[in-house]
Amino acid sequence: MNEISSDKINERIGTVFIVDDEPMVTVSLKTMLSLETKHLIHCFNSPKDALDQLMTHRPEVIISDFS
């Protein structure tokens, strides 16, 4: 999971979860979204890890690979 300083969190306007078993996919999407948006991005390479964090972070959007 990514770590973001509290200064950055105050600037962020929403939370996005990216879930994919391929680390290159999650890192690439995180990089693109971080450059283009002010959303707080959390990446997971395990669905269980993402589910464990759902109640803590309450994302507005989840991007997931279903295959």
N, C-alpha and C. Protein backbone atom coordinates (compact mmCIF):
# COMPACT_ATOMS: atom_id res chain seq x y z
N MET A 1 0.84 -1.17 0.00
CA MET A 1 0.00 0.00 0.00
C MET A 1 0.89 1.23 0.00
N ASN A 2 0.41 2.29 -0.65
CA ASN A 2 1.25 3.48 -0.71
C ASN A 2 1.09 4.33 0.55
N GLU A 3 2.11 5.11 0.84
CA GLU A 3 2.09 6.02 1.98
C GLU A 3 2.17 7.45 1.45
N ILE A 4 1.30 8.32 1.95
CA ILE A 4 1.27 9.71 1.50
C ILE A 4 1.30 10.59 2.73
N SER A 5 2.10 11.65 2.68
CA SER A 5 2.20 12.54 3.83
C SER A 5 0.88 13.25 4.09
N SER A 6 0.69 13.70 5.33
CA SER A 6 -0.56 14.36 5.69
C SER A 6 -0.77 15.65 4.90
N ASP A 7 0.29 16.33 4.50
CA ASP A 7 0.14 17.54 3.68
C ASP A 7 -0.52 17.19 2.35
N LYS A 8 -0.10 16.10 1.74
CA LYS A 8 -0.68 15.69 0.47
C LYS A 8 -2.12 15.24 0.64
N ILE A 9 -2.44 14.58 1.75
CA ILE A 9 -3.80 14.11 1.97
C ILE A 9 -4.76 15.29 2.02
N ASN A 10 -4.36 16.39 2.63
CA ASN A 10 -5.23 17.56 2.72
C ASN A 10 -5.53 18.15 1.35
N GLU A 11 -4.64 17.96 0.37
CA GLU A 11 -4.86 18.46 -0.98
C GLU A 11 -5.73 17.52 -1.80
N ARG A 12 -5.86 16.28 -1.40
CA ARG A 12 -6.54 15.26 -2.19
C ARG A 12 -8.05 15.41 -2.09
N ILE A 13 -8.76 15.04 -3.16
CA ILE A 13 -10.21 15.23 -3.17
C ILE A 13 -11.00 13.93 -3.18
N GLY A 14 -10.37 12.81 -3.32
CA GLY A 14 -11.07 11.53 -3.32
C GLY A 14 -10.06 10.39 -3.24
N THR A 15 -10.59 9.20 -3.02
CA THR A 15 -9.73 8.03 -2.88
C THR A 15 -10.04 7.02 -3.98
N VAL A 16 -8.98 6.48 -4.58
CA VAL A 16 -9.09 5.47 -5.63
C VAL A 16 -8.29 4.25 -5.20
N PHE A 17 -8.90 3.07 -5.31
CA PHE A 17 -8.19 1.81 -5.11
C PHE A 17 -7.88 1.23 -6.49
N ILE A 18 -6.65 0.78 -6.68
CA ILE A 18 -6.27 0.06 -7.89
C ILE A 18 -5.89 -1.34 -7.44
N VAL A 19 -6.57 -2.36 -8.00
CA VAL A 19 -6.34 -3.75 -7.60
C VAL A 19 -6.01 -4.56 -8.84
N ASP A 20 -4.81 -5.12 -8.86
CA ASP A 20 -4.38 -5.96 -9.98
C ASP A 20 -3.25 -6.84 -9.47
N ASP A 21 -3.18 -8.07 -9.97
CA ASP A 21 -2.13 -8.97 -9.53
C ASP A 21 -0.77 -8.65 -10.14
N GLU A 22 -0.74 -7.77 -11.12
CA GLU A 22 0.51 -7.38 -11.77
C GLU A 22 1.00 -6.04 -11.20
N PRO A 23 2.10 -6.03 -10.45
CA PRO A 23 2.61 -4.78 -9.88
C PRO A 23 2.89 -3.70 -10.93
N MET A 24 3.32 -4.09 -12.13
CA MET A 24 3.59 -3.08 -13.15
C MET A 24 2.31 -2.33 -13.55
N VAL A 25 1.19 -3.03 -13.55
CA VAL A 25 -0.09 -2.40 -13.89
C VAL A 25 -0.48 -1.40 -12.81
N THR A 26 -0.41 -1.82 -11.54
CA THR A 26 -0.82 -0.91 -10.47
C THR A 26 0.10 0.32 -10.39
N VAL A 27 1.39 0.11 -10.55
CA VAL A 27 2.33 1.24 -10.50
C VAL A 27 2.10 2.20 -11.68
N SER A 28 1.87 1.64 -12.86
CA SER A 28 1.63 2.49 -14.04
C SER A 28 0.37 3.32 -13.89
N LEU A 29 -0.71 2.68 -13.45
CA LEU A 29 -1.97 3.42 -13.26
C LEU A 29 -1.84 4.47 -12.15
N LYS A 30 -1.16 4.10 -11.08
CA LYS A 30 -0.96 5.06 -9.99
C LYS A 30 -0.18 6.28 -10.48
N THR A 31 0.87 6.04 -11.24
CA THR A 31 1.69 7.13 -11.76
C THR A 31 0.85 8.05 -12.64
N MET A 32 0.09 7.48 -13.56
CA MET A 32 -0.74 8.28 -14.45
C MET A 32 -1.77 9.09 -13.67
N LEU A 33 -2.49 8.43 -12.76
CA LEU A 33 -3.53 9.13 -12.00
C LEU A 33 -2.94 10.19 -11.07
N SER A 34 -1.79 9.91 -10.50
CA SER A 34 -1.15 10.89 -9.61
C SER A 34 -0.72 12.14 -10.37
N LEU A 35 -0.31 11.96 -11.61
CA LEU A 35 0.09 13.11 -12.42
C LEU A 35 -1.10 13.92 -12.92
N GLU A 36 -2.22 13.25 -13.15
CA GLU A 36 -3.37 13.89 -13.79
C GLU A 36 -4.49 14.30 -12.83
N THR A 37 -4.47 13.79 -11.59
CA THR A 37 -5.57 14.08 -10.66
C THR A 37 -5.01 14.43 -9.28
N LYS A 38 -5.90 14.84 -8.40
CA LYS A 38 -5.52 15.10 -7.01
C LYS A 38 -6.06 14.02 -6.08
N HIS A 39 -6.44 12.88 -6.64
CA HIS A 39 -6.99 11.79 -5.82
C HIS A 39 -5.91 11.07 -5.04
N LEU A 40 -6.29 10.55 -3.89
CA LEU A 40 -5.42 9.71 -3.08
C LEU A 40 -5.50 8.30 -3.68
N ILE A 41 -4.38 7.75 -4.09
CA ILE A 41 -4.34 6.47 -4.79
C ILE A 41 -3.74 5.41 -3.88
N HIS A 42 -4.45 4.29 -3.72
CA HIS A 42 -3.95 3.13 -2.98
C HIS A 42 -3.88 1.96 -3.95
N CYS A 43 -2.74 1.29 -4.02
CA CYS A 43 -2.56 0.15 -4.92
C CYS A 43 -2.46 -1.15 -4.12
N PHE A 44 -3.08 -2.18 -4.68
CA PHE A 44 -3.05 -3.50 -4.06
C PHE A 44 -2.80 -4.55 -5.13
N ASN A 45 -1.97 -5.53 -4.79
CA ASN A 45 -1.73 -6.65 -5.71
C ASN A 45 -2.43 -7.91 -5.21
N SER A 46 -3.27 -7.75 -4.22
CA SER A 46 -4.05 -8.85 -3.67
C SER A 46 -5.46 -8.33 -3.38
N PRO A 47 -6.50 -9.02 -3.87
CA PRO A 47 -7.87 -8.60 -3.56
C PRO A 47 -8.14 -8.60 -2.05
N LYS A 48 -7.57 -9.55 -1.33
CA LYS A 48 -7.78 -9.62 0.12
C LYS A 48 -7.24 -8.36 0.80
N ASP A 49 -6.06 -7.91 0.37
CA ASP A 49 -5.50 -6.69 0.96
C ASP A 49 -6.41 -5.49 0.71
N ALA A 50 -6.95 -5.41 -0.49
CA ALA A 50 -7.86 -4.31 -0.81
C ALA A 50 -9.12 -4.38 0.05
N LEU A 51 -9.69 -5.58 0.19
CA LEU A 51 -10.89 -5.73 1.01
C LEU A 51 -10.63 -5.38 2.47
N ASP A 52 -9.45 -5.73 2.96
CA ASP A 52 -9.10 -5.40 4.35
C ASP A 52 -9.07 -3.89 4.59
N GLN A 53 -8.80 -3.11 3.56
CA GLN A 53 -8.68 -1.65 3.70
C GLN A 53 -9.96 -0.89 3.34
N LEU A 54 -10.97 -1.59 2.84
CA LEU A 54 -12.20 -0.92 2.40
C LEU A 54 -12.85 -0.06 3.47
N MET A 55 -12.97 -0.56 4.67
CA MET A 55 -13.66 0.19 5.72
C MET A 55 -12.82 1.36 6.24
N THR A 56 -11.51 1.26 6.13
CA THR A 56 -10.63 2.31 6.61
C THR A 56 -10.59 3.49 5.66
N HIS A 57 -10.48 3.22 4.37
CA HIS A 57 -10.24 4.29 3.39
C HIS A 57 -11.47 4.69 2.57
N ARG A 58 -12.49 3.85 2.48
CA ARG A 58 -13.75 4.16 1.80
C ARG A 58 -13.52 4.84 0.43
N PRO A 59 -13.02 4.10 -0.56
CA PRO A 59 -12.73 4.71 -1.86
C PRO A 59 -13.99 5.10 -2.61
N GLU A 60 -13.88 6.14 -3.41
CA GLU A 60 -14.97 6.54 -4.30
C GLU A 60 -14.96 5.68 -5.57
N VAL A 61 -13.76 5.21 -5.95
CA VAL A 61 -13.61 4.42 -7.18
C VAL A 61 -12.67 3.26 -6.91
N ILE A 62 -13.01 2.08 -7.48
CA ILE A 62 -12.12 0.93 -7.45
C ILE A 62 -11.87 0.50 -8.88
N ILE A 63 -10.60 0.44 -9.26
CA ILE A 63 -10.20 -0.07 -10.57
C ILE A 63 -9.63 -1.45 -10.34
N SER A 64 -10.21 -2.46 -10.99
CA SER A 64 -9.80 -3.83 -10.71
C SER A 64 -9.75 -4.65 -11.99
N ASP A 65 -8.84 -5.61 -12.02
CA ASP A 65 -8.72 -6.58 -13.10
C ASP A 65 -9.56 -7.79 -12.73
N PHE A 66 -10.50 -8.15 -13.59
CA PHE A 66 -11.40 -9.26 -13.30
C PHE A 66 -10.98 -10.58 -13.90
N SER A 67 -9.91 -10.62 -14.69
CA SER A 67 -9.56 -11.88 -15.35
C SER A 67 -8.66 -12.74 -14.51
